[in-house]
Amino acid sequence: MSIAENQRPACELRAASCWLLAAGCWLLAAGCWLLAAGCWLLAEASVIDYLGRKEQVTAEHIRHRIQDLLDAAEQRQRLSAAGAALVDGSGARRVSLAMHRSKTMRIP
C-alpha cells in the first residue's frame, strides 16, 4: 500500500495504537487468569467457597449455595477463621510505609 508522506505520522500513530490495544487485551486476559487462579487458591485454602467461573454459575446455583451456608454455622465459622488467619489488618500500614520509603513515590 502506498501512502503520502504527510499521512505517514497518522498511520504510524494508528499502528502504535493498535499495538497498545493488543497489549492491553493481553494484559487483561492475563489479569483474568491470575484472578481465577487466585480464587482457586483461596478455595483450596478454605478461605472462600468458590463456585466457579461466571459462565459456569447460575443465579439458582448461587441461591442454593447461600441457603446452604445459612444452614451451616460451622462452615461459616471455618471460612471466617480462615479469612482472619490470612489477613492481619496491617496491609494499609505496610503500603504506606513502602510508599514513604520509595524514592519514586515521594511527592515533591
Protein backbone atom coordinates (compact mmCIF):
# COMPACT_ATOMS: atom_id res chain seq x y z
CA MET A 1 0.00 0.00 0.00
CA SER A 2 1.26 3.44 -0.86
CA ILE A 3 0.67 6.42 1.44
CA ALA A 4 1.53 10.08 1.06
CA GLU A 5 4.46 11.29 3.14
CA ASN A 6 2.22 13.73 5.05
CA GLN A 7 -0.03 10.78 6.08
CA ARG A 8 2.83 8.69 7.50
CA PRO A 9 2.67 10.13 11.09
CA ALA A 10 -1.06 9.39 11.34
CA CYS A 11 -0.55 5.83 10.06
CA GLU A 12 2.32 5.25 12.47
CA LEU A 13 0.20 6.58 15.31
CA ARG A 14 -2.65 4.22 14.38
CA ALA A 15 -0.24 1.29 14.21
CA ALA A 16 1.11 2.16 17.67
CA SER A 17 -2.45 2.50 19.00
CA CYS A 18 -3.34 -0.93 17.62
CA TRP A 19 -0.25 -2.42 19.22
CA LEU A 20 -1.13 -0.83 22.58
CA LEU A 21 -4.70 -2.09 22.31
CA ALA A 22 -3.46 -5.62 21.60
CA ALA A 23 -1.04 -5.43 24.53
CA GLY A 24 -3.82 -4.13 26.77
CA CYS A 25 -6.09 -7.01 25.78
CA TRP A 26 -3.31 -9.48 26.51
CA LEU A 27 -2.72 -7.93 29.95
CA LEU A 28 -6.45 -8.02 30.69
CA ALA A 29 -6.60 -11.71 29.76
CA ALA A 30 -3.55 -12.41 31.94
CA GLY A 31 -5.17 -10.49 34.81
CA CYS A 32 -8.36 -12.52 34.49
CA TRP A 33 -6.34 -15.73 34.52
CA LEU A 34 -4.50 -14.60 37.65
CA LEU A 35 -7.77 -13.65 39.32
CA ALA A 36 -9.25 -17.08 38.57
CA ALA A 37 -6.08 -18.77 39.83
CA GLY A 38 -6.23 -16.66 42.98
CA CYS A 39 -9.84 -17.66 43.61
CA TRP A 40 -8.94 -21.30 43.13
CA LEU A 41 -6.04 -20.99 45.60
CA LEU A 42 -8.24 -19.25 48.17
CA ALA A 43 -10.81 -22.01 47.79
CA GLU A 44 -8.10 -24.66 48.23
CA ALA A 45 -7.07 -22.91 51.45
CA SER A 46 -10.74 -22.95 52.57
CA VAL A 47 -10.83 -19.14 52.72
CA ILE A 48 -13.67 -18.80 50.20
CA ASP A 49 -16.36 -21.01 48.74
CA TYR A 50 -15.52 -20.72 45.02
CA LEU A 51 -18.49 -21.59 42.83
CA GLY A 52 -16.65 -21.38 39.51
CA ARG A 53 -16.32 -19.04 36.56
CA LYS A 54 -19.26 -16.80 35.73
CA GLU A 55 -20.05 -18.91 32.67
CA GLN A 56 -20.45 -21.94 34.92
CA VAL A 57 -22.61 -20.43 37.68
CA THR A 58 -26.31 -19.65 37.53
CA ALA A 59 -28.42 -17.48 39.83
CA GLU A 60 -30.11 -20.65 41.05
CA HIS A 61 -26.73 -22.16 41.92
CA ILE A 62 -25.82 -19.05 43.93
CA ARG A 63 -29.19 -19.04 45.71
CA HIS A 64 -28.77 -22.69 46.73
CA ARG A 65 -25.21 -22.12 47.95
CA ILE A 66 -26.27 -19.11 50.04
CA GLN A 67 -29.06 -21.15 51.58
CA ASP A 68 -26.60 -23.96 52.32
CA LEU A 69 -24.28 -21.50 54.06
CA LEU A 70 -27.15 -20.00 56.06
CA ASP A 71 -27.87 -23.50 57.34
CA ALA A 72 -24.20 -24.33 58.10
CA ALA A 73 -22.97 -22.23 61.02
CA GLU A 74 -19.83 -24.34 61.48
CA GLN A 75 -18.80 -23.91 57.85
CA ARG A 76 -19.35 -20.14 58.05
CA GLN A 77 -17.19 -20.07 61.19
CA ARG A 78 -14.41 -22.05 59.43
CA LEU A 79 -14.49 -19.69 56.42
CA SER A 80 -14.38 -16.68 58.74
CA ALA A 81 -11.47 -18.08 60.76
CA ALA A 82 -9.52 -18.97 57.61
CA GLY A 83 -10.01 -15.45 56.24
CA ALA A 84 -8.99 -13.85 59.53
CA ALA A 85 -5.84 -16.01 59.64
CA LEU A 86 -4.91 -14.84 56.13
CA VAL A 87 -5.40 -11.11 56.82
CA ASP A 88 -3.52 -9.42 59.62
CA GLY A 89 -5.11 -5.98 59.35
CA SER A 90 -1.77 -4.23 58.78
CA GLY A 91 -1.83 -4.09 54.98
CA ALA A 92 -2.59 -0.38 54.72
CA ARG A 93 0.25 0.41 57.13
CA ARG A 94 2.72 -1.70 55.11
CA VAL A 95 1.66 0.01 51.87
CA SER A 96 2.03 3.45 53.49
CA LEU A 97 5.49 2.60 54.82
CA ALA A 98 6.61 1.22 51.44
CA MET A 99 5.38 4.37 49.70
CA HIS A 100 7.12 6.57 52.26
CA ARG A 101 10.42 4.69 51.78
CA SER A 102 10.18 4.67 48.00
CA LYS A 103 12.08 7.40 46.18
CA THR A 104 9.74 7.19 43.20
CA MET A 105 6.58 7.58 45.30
CA ARG A 106 7.67 10.75 47.12
CA ILE A 107 5.64 13.85 46.45
CA PRO A 108 7.90 16.90 45.93
